[in-house]
Amino acid sequence: MYVAETDKGYEVKMDLPGIDPKDLTVEIREGSLWVSGERKEEKEEKGKTFHWVERHYGAFRRVIPLDLPVDREKVEAKYHDGVLKISVAKMPEAETKRIEVKAT
C-alpha cells in the first residue's frame, strides 16, 4: 500500500488480489479514509490433499488519516487486476498556494 499527497489531493494504492470489488467498502469519515473488506475462503476441493496454503482470509480495515479537509464529493475508487486505486480531492482552500517573494 502507498499513500501520496499532491497539490490537488491524495492518492492511495492497495494490492488486494483475490477480493471481489463487491466485498470492498471505501468511506470518508472522522477526517480519515476508511478502506475495509473481506477475502472469502475458497471451498476445499475434494480429492486433493493440500500440503501448503499461503492465503489469508477474513475481514480487514485500514484507516488512513487525512491531514487536510477533503471534498467528499470528489472521491473516486477503482479496482482492476487486484489493485484498488483511490483518489481524494482536497477542498480548494486546502490546496497549496505558492506566494511570490518580492524583493524590496
Protein backbone atom coordinates (compact mmCIF):
# COMPACT_ATOMS: atom_id res chain seq x y z
CA MET A 1 0.00 0.00 0.00
CA TYR A 2 1.11 3.55 -0.58
CA VAL A 3 -0.38 6.96 0.22
CA ALA A 4 0.83 10.01 -1.68
CA GLU A 5 -0.17 13.66 -1.45
CA THR A 6 -0.26 16.06 -4.39
CA ASP A 7 -1.29 19.70 -4.65
CA LYS A 8 -4.81 18.58 -5.62
CA GLY A 9 -5.38 15.66 -3.25
CA TYR A 10 -4.38 12.24 -2.00
CA GLU A 11 -3.67 9.05 -3.94
CA VAL A 12 -3.92 5.62 -2.32
CA LYS A 13 -2.98 2.34 -3.94
CA MET A 14 -3.58 -1.04 -2.29
CA ASP A 15 -2.79 -4.54 -3.56
CA LEU A 16 -5.86 -6.67 -2.81
CA PRO A 17 -5.68 -9.76 -5.03
CA GLY A 18 -8.49 -12.25 -4.89
CA ILE A 19 -11.07 -9.88 -3.42
CA ASP A 20 -14.38 -9.27 -5.16
CA PRO A 21 -14.94 -5.49 -5.54
CA LYS A 22 -18.43 -6.03 -4.07
CA ASP A 23 -16.71 -7.02 -0.82
CA LEU A 24 -14.84 -3.67 -0.54
CA THR A 25 -16.04 -0.53 1.24
CA VAL A 26 -14.40 2.89 0.89
CA GLU A 27 -15.56 5.72 3.18
CA ILE A 28 -14.51 9.18 4.27
CA ARG A 29 -15.28 9.58 7.95
CA GLU A 30 -13.86 11.29 11.02
CA GLY A 31 -11.20 13.05 8.91
CA SER A 32 -9.85 9.75 7.60
CA LEU A 33 -10.14 7.41 4.64
CA TRP A 34 -11.53 4.03 5.73
CA VAL A 35 -10.99 1.00 3.49
CA SER A 36 -12.47 -2.29 4.60
CA GLY A 37 -13.31 -5.58 3.01
CA GLU A 38 -13.26 -9.31 3.28
CA ARG A 39 -11.43 -12.03 1.43
CA LYS A 40 -13.69 -15.07 1.38
CA GLU A 41 -12.25 -18.50 1.95
CA GLU A 42 -12.33 -20.76 -1.06
CA LYS A 43 -14.03 -24.10 -0.67
CA GLU A 44 -11.79 -27.11 -0.30
CA GLU A 45 -11.70 -29.28 -3.38
CA LYS A 46 -12.49 -32.96 -2.89
CA GLY A 47 -9.85 -35.43 -3.88
CA LYS A 48 -6.94 -33.10 -3.06
CA THR A 49 -4.66 -33.09 -0.07
CA PHE A 50 -3.20 -29.64 0.49
CA HIS A 51 0.30 -29.60 1.96
CA TRP A 52 0.79 -25.84 1.98
CA VAL A 53 -1.58 -22.87 1.61
CA GLU A 54 -0.38 -19.26 1.87
CA ARG A 55 -3.57 -17.31 1.58
CA HIS A 56 -5.04 -15.06 4.22
CA TYR A 57 -8.80 -14.95 4.58
CA GLY A 58 -11.12 -12.79 6.60
CA ALA A 59 -12.04 -9.18 7.19
CA PHE A 60 -9.61 -6.25 7.19
CA ARG A 61 -9.72 -2.49 7.72
CA ARG A 62 -7.21 0.26 7.03
CA VAL A 63 -7.76 3.77 8.38
CA ILE A 64 -5.65 6.45 6.70
CA PRO A 65 -5.66 9.85 8.43
CA LEU A 66 -6.04 12.81 6.06
CA ASP A 67 -4.30 15.95 7.34
CA LEU A 68 -6.31 18.47 5.32
CA PRO A 69 -10.04 18.88 4.60
CA VAL A 70 -11.14 16.85 1.57
CA ASP A 71 -14.03 17.19 -0.88
CA ARG A 72 -16.32 14.24 -0.07
CA GLU A 73 -17.99 14.61 -3.47
CA LYS A 74 -14.70 14.10 -5.31
CA VAL A 75 -13.57 10.68 -4.12
CA GLU A 76 -13.00 8.00 -6.73
CA ALA A 77 -12.21 4.32 -6.17
CA LYS A 78 -11.27 1.92 -8.98
CA TYR A 79 -10.41 -1.77 -8.70
CA HIS A 80 -8.56 -3.51 -11.54
CA ASP A 81 -6.42 -6.66 -11.62
CA GLY A 82 -6.32 -6.92 -7.82
CA VAL A 83 -5.27 -3.30 -7.25
CA LEU A 84 -7.51 -0.71 -5.58
CA LYS A 85 -6.74 2.90 -6.54
CA ILE A 86 -8.40 5.72 -4.62
CA SER A 87 -8.10 9.43 -5.34
CA VAL A 88 -9.40 12.01 -2.86
CA ALA A 89 -9.57 15.70 -3.83
CA LYS A 90 -8.63 18.37 -1.31
CA MET A 91 -11.00 21.22 -0.61
CA PRO A 92 -9.97 24.26 -2.69
CA GLU A 93 -9.00 26.24 0.42
CA ALA A 94 -6.73 23.36 1.49
CA GLU A 95 -4.73 23.36 -1.75
CA THR A 96 -1.22 24.69 -1.63
CA LYS A 97 -0.85 28.26 -2.79
CA ARG A 98 2.58 29.50 -3.64
CA ILE A 99 3.30 33.06 -2.56
CA GLU A 100 5.74 35.10 -4.60
CA VAL A 101 8.52 36.65 -2.56
CA LYS A 102 9.13 40.22 -3.68
CA ALA A 103 12.44 41.93 -3.27
CA THR A 104 12.24 45.43 -1.77
